[in-house]
Amino acid sequence: MQRASQIVLASVLALALAACATAPAPDLTPPPGKRLDAKTTLENGPRR
């Protein structure tokens, strides 16, 4: 009985620590630029 209560207590402690863990920082890098197709490049010229 004492072993079961220790396991329950350890589980509650682990869940409490997991709930307090910080989330990873969000990725703030901008998405890559849109590639131009051949027709658009010929009509508008290359991007600078």
C-alpha atoms as a PDB file:
ATOM      1  CA  MET A   1       0.000   0.000   0.000  1.00  0.00           C
ATOM      2  CA  GLN A   2       2.821   2.379   0.855  1.00  0.00           C
ATOM      3  CA  ARG A   3       4.522   1.596  -2.478  1.00  0.00           C
ATOM      4  CA  ALA A   4       1.346   2.484  -4.380  1.00  0.00           C
ATOM      5  CA  SER A   5       1.031   5.824  -2.572  1.00  0.00           C
ATOM      6  CA  GLN A   6       4.670   6.611  -3.408  1.00  0.00           C
ATOM      7  CA  ILE A   7       4.037   5.889  -7.086  1.00  0.00           C
ATOM      8  CA  VAL A   8       0.936   8.095  -7.078  1.00  0.00           C
ATOM      9  CA  LEU A   9       2.830  10.897  -5.348  1.00  0.00           C
ATOM     10  CA  ALA A  10       5.719  10.629  -7.826  1.00  0.00           C
ATOM     11  CA  SER A  11       3.251  10.709 -10.724  1.00  0.00           C
ATOM     12  CA  VAL A  12       1.531  13.817  -9.384  1.00  0.00           C
ATOM     13  CA  LEU A  13       4.896  15.512  -8.896  1.00  0.00           C
ATOM     14  CA  ALA A  14       5.973  14.637 -12.444  1.00  0.00           C
ATOM     15  CA  LEU A  15       2.706  15.974 -13.866  1.00  0.00           C
ATOM     16  CA  ALA A  16       3.065  19.194 -11.866  1.00  0.00           C
ATOM     17  CA  LEU A  17       6.588  19.704 -13.193  1.00  0.00           C
ATOM     18  CA  ALA A  18       5.460  19.025 -16.742  1.00  0.00           C
ATOM     19  CA  ALA A  19       2.626  21.542 -16.416  1.00  0.00           C
ATOM     20  CA  CYS A  20       5.052  24.240 -15.248  1.00  0.00           C
ATOM     21  CA  ALA A  21       7.566  23.654 -18.034  1.00  0.00           C
ATOM     22  CA  THR A  22       7.945  26.532 -20.449  1.00  0.00           C
ATOM     23  CA  ALA A  23       6.952  26.118 -24.062  1.00  0.00           C
ATOM     24  CA  PRO A  24       9.693  26.406 -26.693  1.00  0.00           C
ATOM     25  CA  ALA A  25      10.135  29.827 -28.244  1.00  0.00           C
ATOM     26  CA  PRO A  26       8.131  30.326 -31.448  1.00  0.00           C
ATOM     27  CA  ASP A  27       9.997  30.373 -34.747  1.00  0.00           C
ATOM     28  CA  LEU A  28      10.045  34.045 -35.819  1.00  0.00           C
ATOM     29  CA  THR A  29      11.942  33.659 -39.090  1.00  0.00           C
ATOM     30  CA  PRO A  30       9.984  34.911 -42.089  1.00  0.00           C
ATOM     31  CA  PRO A  31       8.915  32.382 -44.718  1.00  0.00           C
ATOM     32  CA  PRO A  32      11.059  32.187 -47.845  1.00  0.00           C
ATOM     33  CA  GLY A  33      10.169  34.476 -50.703  1.00  0.00           C
ATOM     34  CA  LYS A  34       7.846  33.308 -53.431  1.00  0.00           C
ATOM     35  CA  ARG A  35       9.666  32.024 -56.492  1.00  0.00           C
ATOM     36  CA  LEU A  36       8.750  33.616 -59.785  1.00  0.00           C
ATOM     37  CA  ASP A  37       7.952  31.404 -62.740  1.00  0.00           C
ATOM     38  CA  ALA A  38       9.639  31.850 -66.126  1.00  0.00           C
ATOM     39  CA  LYS A  39       6.765  33.790 -67.703  1.00  0.00           C
ATOM     40  CA  THR A  40       6.598  36.312 -64.854  1.00  0.00           C
ATOM     41  CA  THR A  41      10.376  36.761 -64.943  1.00  0.00           C
ATOM     42  CA  LEU A  42      10.311  37.438 -68.682  1.00  0.00           C
ATOM     43  CA  GLU A  43       7.417  39.899 -68.354  1.00  0.00           C
ATOM     44  CA  ASN A  44       8.666  41.829 -65.305  1.00  0.00           C
ATOM     45  CA  GLY A  45      12.409  41.258 -65.365  1.00  0.00           C
ATOM     46  CA  PRO A  46      14.402  39.564 -62.625  1.00  0.00           C
ATOM     47  CA  ARG A  47      13.946  40.611 -59.006  1.00  0.00           C
ATOM     48  CA  ARG A  48      16.651  42.720 -57.456  1.00  0.00           C
END
